[in-house]
Amino acid sequence: MLKQRIQILQTGGVIGADTAQFLNRVIDMMHADYPDIDPDHATMFTTHLAMAVERIKKGEIVDAMDEFCWQQIQETPEFPVAEEFRNKMMEYSPIPFPKSESDFIVLHICSMLEP
């Protein structure tokens, strides 16, 4: 289902082929590492990730997250796992992620992993 969504985004010209390839690899990693993940959370995460990649490619970088919010995220039980997954994902990213985007990716992974 997620890969079909990525294909639709690519076919519609919303994301590029390199972004689609990256997202499909991330989807495979998610299914391998977190087989019981909520499909709605996975969909939200992959959609955010797709838009983040395309935004970065256009030079549109989001502002840094509020420091208080970032500290709150770091205190969640999901944070260490989210950071590890983000780092693993970034090995396959077609572009480097600025810190502001990378932090938001961790936030979304934490949300995805919440029970």
N, C-alpha and C. Protein backbone atom coordinates (compact mmCIF):
# COMPACT_ATOMS: atom_id res chain seq x y z
N MET A 1 0.82 -1.19 0.00
CA MET A 1 0.00 0.00 0.00
C MET A 1 0.87 1.27 0.00
N LEU A 2 1.87 1.32 0.89
CA LEU A 2 2.74 2.49 0.94
C LEU A 2 3.52 2.66 -0.36
N LYS A 3 4.01 1.57 -0.88
CA LYS A 3 4.78 1.67 -2.13
C LYS A 3 3.90 2.11 -3.29
N GLN A 4 2.64 1.72 -3.27
CA GLN A 4 1.71 2.19 -4.30
C GLN A 4 1.52 3.70 -4.19
N ARG A 5 1.44 4.19 -2.97
CA ARG A 5 1.30 5.63 -2.74
C ARG A 5 2.53 6.37 -3.29
N ILE A 6 3.71 5.82 -3.04
CA ILE A 6 4.94 6.43 -3.53
C ILE A 6 4.94 6.44 -5.06
N GLN A 7 4.49 5.35 -5.67
CA GLN A 7 4.42 5.27 -7.13
C GLN A 7 3.48 6.34 -7.69
N ILE A 8 2.36 6.54 -7.01
CA ILE A 8 1.40 7.56 -7.45
C ILE A 8 2.03 8.95 -7.35
N LEU A 9 2.74 9.22 -6.25
CA LEU A 9 3.40 10.51 -6.10
C LEU A 9 4.45 10.73 -7.18
N GLN A 10 5.17 9.67 -7.53
CA GLN A 10 6.19 9.79 -8.57
C GLN A 10 5.55 9.98 -9.94
N THR A 11 4.56 9.17 -10.24
CA THR A 11 3.88 9.26 -11.53
C THR A 11 3.24 10.63 -11.71
N GLY A 12 2.73 11.19 -10.63
CA GLY A 12 2.09 12.50 -10.68
C GLY A 12 3.08 13.66 -10.69
N GLY A 13 4.37 13.35 -10.62
CA GLY A 13 5.37 14.41 -10.66
C GLY A 13 5.56 15.15 -9.35
N VAL A 14 5.00 14.61 -8.28
CA VAL A 14 5.13 15.25 -6.97
C VAL A 14 6.52 15.00 -6.39
N ILE A 15 7.05 13.80 -6.63
CA ILE A 15 8.39 13.45 -6.16
C ILE A 15 9.19 12.89 -7.33
N GLY A 16 10.50 13.00 -7.23
CA GLY A 16 11.39 12.48 -8.26
C GLY A 16 11.68 11.00 -8.08
N ALA A 17 12.31 10.42 -9.08
CA ALA A 17 12.65 8.99 -9.04
C ALA A 17 13.61 8.67 -7.90
N ASP A 18 14.57 9.57 -7.64
CA ASP A 18 15.52 9.32 -6.56
C ASP A 18 14.82 9.35 -5.20
N THR A 19 13.85 10.23 -5.05
CA THR A 19 13.08 10.30 -3.80
C THR A 19 12.24 9.04 -3.64
N ALA A 20 11.62 8.59 -4.73
CA ALA A 20 10.80 7.37 -4.67
C ALA A 20 11.66 6.16 -4.30
N GLN A 21 12.83 6.07 -4.89
CA GLN A 21 13.73 4.95 -4.58
C GLN A 21 14.12 4.97 -3.10
N PHE A 22 14.45 6.14 -2.59
CA PHE A 22 14.80 6.29 -1.18
C PHE A 22 13.62 5.89 -0.29
N LEU A 23 12.44 6.38 -0.60
CA LEU A 23 11.26 6.07 0.21
C LEU A 23 10.94 4.57 0.19
N ASN A 24 11.07 3.95 -0.95
CA ASN A 24 10.81 2.51 -1.02
C ASN A 24 11.80 1.73 -0.16
N ARG A 25 13.03 2.19 -0.11
CA ARG A 25 14.02 1.54 0.75
C ARG A 25 13.66 1.76 2.22
N VAL A 26 13.22 2.98 2.58
CA VAL A 26 12.80 3.27 3.95
C VAL A 26 11.59 2.42 4.32
N ILE A 27 10.66 2.25 3.41
CA ILE A 27 9.48 1.42 3.67
C ILE A 27 9.91 -0.02 3.96
N ASP A 28 10.84 -0.54 3.17
CA ASP A 28 11.36 -1.89 3.43
C ASP A 28 12.00 -1.98 4.81
N MET A 29 12.76 -0.94 5.18
CA MET A 29 13.40 -0.92 6.49
C MET A 29 12.35 -0.87 7.60
N MET A 30 11.32 -0.07 7.42
CA MET A 30 10.25 0.03 8.42
C MET A 30 9.58 -1.32 8.62
N HIS A 31 9.25 -1.98 7.53
CA HIS A 31 8.58 -3.28 7.63
C HIS A 31 9.48 -4.32 8.29
N ALA A 32 10.77 -4.25 8.02
CA ALA A 32 11.71 -5.20 8.62
C ALA A 32 11.92 -4.93 10.10
N ASP A 33 12.09 -3.65 10.44
CA ASP A 33 12.40 -3.28 11.83
C ASP A 33 11.17 -3.17 12.72
N TYR A 34 10.04 -2.78 12.14
CA TYR A 34 8.82 -2.52 12.93
C TYR A 34 7.60 -3.13 12.22
N PRO A 35 7.52 -4.45 12.17
CA PRO A 35 6.45 -5.10 11.40
C PRO A 35 5.04 -4.80 11.91
N ASP A 36 4.91 -4.38 13.15
CA ASP A 36 3.58 -4.13 13.70
C ASP A 36 3.20 -2.65 13.72
N ILE A 37 3.91 -1.84 12.95
CA ILE A 37 3.66 -0.41 12.96
C ILE A 37 2.26 -0.09 12.43
N ASP A 38 1.64 0.90 13.02
CA ASP A 38 0.30 1.32 12.59
C ASP A 38 0.39 1.87 11.16
N PRO A 39 -0.43 1.36 10.24
CA PRO A 39 -0.36 1.81 8.84
C PRO A 39 -0.59 3.31 8.66
N ASP A 40 -1.48 3.88 9.47
CA ASP A 40 -1.73 5.32 9.35
C ASP A 40 -0.50 6.13 9.75
N HIS A 41 0.17 5.69 10.81
CA HIS A 41 1.39 6.38 11.24
C HIS A 41 2.49 6.23 10.19
N ALA A 42 2.60 5.06 9.61
CA ALA A 42 3.60 4.83 8.57
C ALA A 42 3.32 5.71 7.34
N THR A 43 2.06 5.84 6.99
CA THR A 43 1.68 6.68 5.85
C THR A 43 2.02 8.14 6.12
N MET A 44 1.69 8.62 7.32
CA MET A 44 2.00 10.01 7.66
C MET A 44 3.51 10.25 7.61
N PHE A 45 4.26 9.30 8.16
CA PHE A 45 5.71 9.45 8.18
C PHE A 45 6.29 9.49 6.77
N THR A 46 5.91 8.54 5.94
CA THR A 46 6.49 8.49 4.59
C THR A 46 6.09 9.71 3.76
N THR A 47 4.87 10.20 3.97
CA THR A 47 4.45 11.41 3.25
C THR A 47 5.29 12.60 3.70
N HIS A 48 5.50 12.73 5.00
CA HIS A 48 6.33 13.83 5.49
C HIS A 48 7.75 13.71 4.94
N LEU A 49 8.29 12.52 4.96
CA LEU A 49 9.64 12.29 4.47
C LEU A 49 9.76 12.65 2.99
N ALA A 50 8.77 12.26 2.20
CA ALA A 50 8.77 12.58 0.77
C ALA A 50 8.77 14.08 0.55
N MET A 51 7.92 14.78 1.28
CA MET A 51 7.84 16.23 1.11
C MET A 51 9.12 16.92 1.61
N ALA A 52 9.71 16.38 2.67
CA ALA A 52 10.95 16.95 3.18
C ALA A 52 12.07 16.84 2.15
N VAL A 53 12.20 15.67 1.53
CA VAL A 53 13.24 15.48 0.52
C VAL A 53 13.05 16.45 -0.63
N GLU A 54 11.84 16.55 -1.13
CA GLU A 54 11.57 17.44 -2.26
C GLU A 54 11.78 18.90 -1.87
N ARG A 55 11.40 19.26 -0.66
CA ARG A 55 11.59 20.63 -0.17
C ARG A 55 13.09 20.96 -0.11
N ILE A 56 13.89 20.04 0.43
CA ILE A 56 15.33 20.26 0.55
C ILE A 56 15.95 20.40 -0.84
N LYS A 57 15.52 19.55 -1.78
CA LYS A 57 16.05 19.62 -3.14
C LYS A 57 15.80 20.98 -3.78
N LYS A 58 14.72 21.64 -3.36
CA LYS A 58 14.38 22.97 -3.89
C LYS A 58 15.05 24.09 -3.09
N GLY A 59 15.78 23.72 -2.04
CA GLY A 59 16.43 24.72 -1.22
C GLY A 59 15.53 25.36 -0.19
N GLU A 60 14.38 24.76 0.05
CA GLU A 60 13.41 25.27 1.02
C GLU A 60 13.60 24.52 2.34
N ILE A 61 14.33 25.14 3.25
CA ILE A 61 14.67 24.48 4.51
C ILE A 61 13.76 25.01 5.62
N VAL A 62 13.22 24.10 6.43
CA VAL A 62 12.37 24.51 7.54
C VAL A 62 13.21 25.13 8.65
N ASP A 63 12.58 26.00 9.42
CA ASP A 63 13.25 26.60 10.56
C ASP A 63 13.52 25.54 11.62
N ALA A 64 14.49 25.82 12.44
CA ALA A 64 14.83 24.89 13.53
C ALA A 64 13.66 24.76 14.49
N MET A 65 13.55 23.58 15.05
CA MET A 65 12.52 23.31 16.04
C MET A 65 12.82 24.10 17.32
N ASP A 66 11.77 24.49 17.99
CA ASP A 66 11.90 25.16 19.28
C ASP A 66 12.73 24.28 20.22
N GLU A 67 13.67 24.87 20.92
CA GLU A 67 14.58 24.10 21.78
C GLU A 67 13.83 23.34 22.87
N PHE A 68 12.80 23.93 23.44
CA PHE A 68 12.02 23.25 24.47
C PHE A 68 11.35 22.00 23.90
N CYS A 69 10.78 22.13 22.71
CA CYS A 69 10.15 20.96 22.06
C CYS A 69 11.17 19.87 21.79
N TRP A 70 12.35 20.28 21.30
CA TRP A 70 13.40 19.30 21.01
C TRP A 70 13.82 18.56 22.27
N GLN A 71 13.92 19.27 23.38
CA GLN A 71 14.27 18.63 24.65
C GLN A 71 13.19 17.64 25.08
N GLN A 72 11.94 18.00 24.87
CA GLN A 72 10.83 17.11 25.21
C GLN A 72 10.91 15.81 24.39
N ILE A 73 11.22 15.95 23.12
CA ILE A 73 11.33 14.79 22.24
C ILE A 73 12.47 13.87 22.71
N GLN A 74 13.58 14.48 23.10
CA GLN A 74 14.74 13.70 23.53
C GLN A 74 14.45 12.91 24.80
N GLU A 75 13.44 13.29 25.54
CA GLU A 75 13.09 12.60 26.78
C GLU A 75 12.09 11.46 26.58
N THR A 76 11.60 11.29 25.36
CA THR A 76 10.63 10.22 25.12
C THR A 76 11.33 8.87 25.05
N PRO A 77 10.61 7.80 25.39
CA PRO A 77 11.23 6.47 25.30
C PRO A 77 11.58 6.07 23.86
N GLU A 78 10.89 6.66 22.89
CA GLU A 78 11.12 6.31 21.48
C GLU A 78 12.35 6.99 20.89
N PHE A 79 12.85 8.04 21.56
CA PHE A 79 13.91 8.86 20.98
C PHE A 79 15.16 8.08 20.55
N PRO A 80 15.76 7.24 21.41
CA PRO A 80 16.98 6.54 20.97
C PRO A 80 16.75 5.66 19.74
N VAL A 81 15.61 5.01 19.69
CA VAL A 81 15.29 4.15 18.55
C VAL A 81 15.06 5.01 17.30
N ALA A 82 14.38 6.13 17.49
CA ALA A 82 14.10 7.03 16.37
C ALA A 82 15.39 7.60 15.79
N GLU A 83 16.31 7.98 16.66
CA GLU A 83 17.60 8.49 16.19
C GLU A 83 18.37 7.43 15.41
N GLU A 84 18.35 6.22 15.93
CA GLU A 84 19.05 5.12 15.25
C GLU A 84 18.43 4.86 13.88
N PHE A 85 17.11 4.86 13.81
CA PHE A 85 16.44 4.61 12.53
C PHE A 85 16.72 5.75 11.56
N ARG A 86 16.67 6.99 12.05
CA ARG A 86 16.98 8.14 11.20
C ARG A 86 18.39 8.01 10.63
N ASN A 87 19.36 7.67 11.46
CA ASN A 87 20.74 7.54 11.00
C ASN A 87 20.87 6.44 9.95
N LYS A 88 20.19 5.35 10.17
CA LYS A 88 20.20 4.23 9.22
C LYS A 88 19.59 4.66 7.88
N MET A 89 18.47 5.40 7.95
CA MET A 89 17.81 5.89 6.74
C MET A 89 18.70 6.83 5.94
N MET A 90 19.38 7.71 6.66
CA MET A 90 20.17 8.74 6.00
C MET A 90 21.32 8.18 5.18
N GLU A 91 21.70 6.95 5.46
CA GLU A 91 22.73 6.30 4.65
C GLU A 91 22.28 6.15 3.20
N TYR A 92 20.97 6.13 2.97
CA TYR A 92 20.42 5.91 1.65
C TYR A 92 19.77 7.15 1.04
N SER A 93 19.81 8.25 1.77
CA SER A 93 19.16 9.47 1.29
C SER A 93 19.87 10.01 0.05
N PRO A 94 19.08 10.48 -0.92
CA PRO A 94 19.70 11.03 -2.13
C PRO A 94 20.32 12.41 -1.90
N ILE A 95 20.05 13.00 -0.74
CA ILE A 95 20.55 14.33 -0.42
C ILE A 95 20.89 14.41 1.06
N PRO A 96 21.79 15.31 1.43
CA PRO A 96 22.04 15.50 2.87
C PRO A 96 20.88 16.29 3.50
N PHE A 97 20.53 15.93 4.70
CA PHE A 97 19.46 16.62 5.43
C PHE A 97 20.07 17.65 6.37
N PRO A 98 19.60 18.90 6.31
CA PRO A 98 20.06 19.87 7.31
C PRO A 98 19.55 19.46 8.70
N LYS A 99 20.18 19.96 9.73
CA LYS A 99 19.82 19.59 11.09
C LYS A 99 18.34 19.86 11.38
N SER A 100 17.82 20.99 10.93
CA SER A 100 16.42 21.31 11.21
C SER A 100 15.49 20.23 10.65
N GLU A 101 15.72 19.80 9.43
CA GLU A 101 14.88 18.76 8.83
C GLU A 101 15.12 17.42 9.52
N SER A 102 16.36 17.14 9.83
CA SER A 102 16.71 15.88 10.49
C SER A 102 16.01 15.77 11.85
N ASP A 103 15.97 16.86 12.59
CA ASP A 103 15.28 16.87 13.88
C ASP A 103 13.79 16.59 13.71
N PHE A 104 13.18 17.19 12.70
CA PHE A 104 11.76 16.94 12.47
C PHE A 104 11.51 15.50 12.04
N ILE A 105 12.46 14.91 11.32
CA ILE A 105 12.34 13.50 10.95
C ILE A 105 12.31 12.64 12.21
N VAL A 106 13.19 12.94 13.16
CA VAL A 106 13.21 12.20 14.43
C VAL A 106 11.87 12.36 15.15
N LEU A 107 11.33 13.56 15.16
CA LEU A 107 10.02 13.80 15.77
C LEU A 107 8.97 12.89 15.14
N HIS A 108 8.95 12.84 13.82
CA HIS A 108 7.95 12.02 13.13
C HIS A 108 8.17 10.52 13.35
N ILE A 109 9.41 10.12 13.46
CA ILE A 109 9.69 8.70 13.75
C ILE A 109 9.19 8.38 15.17
N CYS A 110 9.46 9.27 16.11
CA CYS A 110 8.96 9.07 17.48
C CYS A 110 7.44 8.91 17.47
N SER A 111 6.76 9.77 16.74
CA SER A 111 5.30 9.69 16.66
C SER A 111 4.86 8.36 16.04
N MET A 112 5.58 7.95 15.01
CA MET A 112 5.25 6.70 14.34
C MET A 112 5.42 5.50 15.27
N LEU A 113 6.42 5.57 16.14
CA LEU A 113 6.74 4.45 17.01
C LEU A 113 5.93 4.42 18.30
N GLU A 114 5.22 5.50 18.60
CA GLU A 114 4.42 5.54 19.83
C GLU A 114 3.39 4.42 19.81
N PRO A 115 3.21 3.75 20.95
CA PRO A 115 2.23 2.66 20.99
C PRO A 115 0.81 3.19 20.87
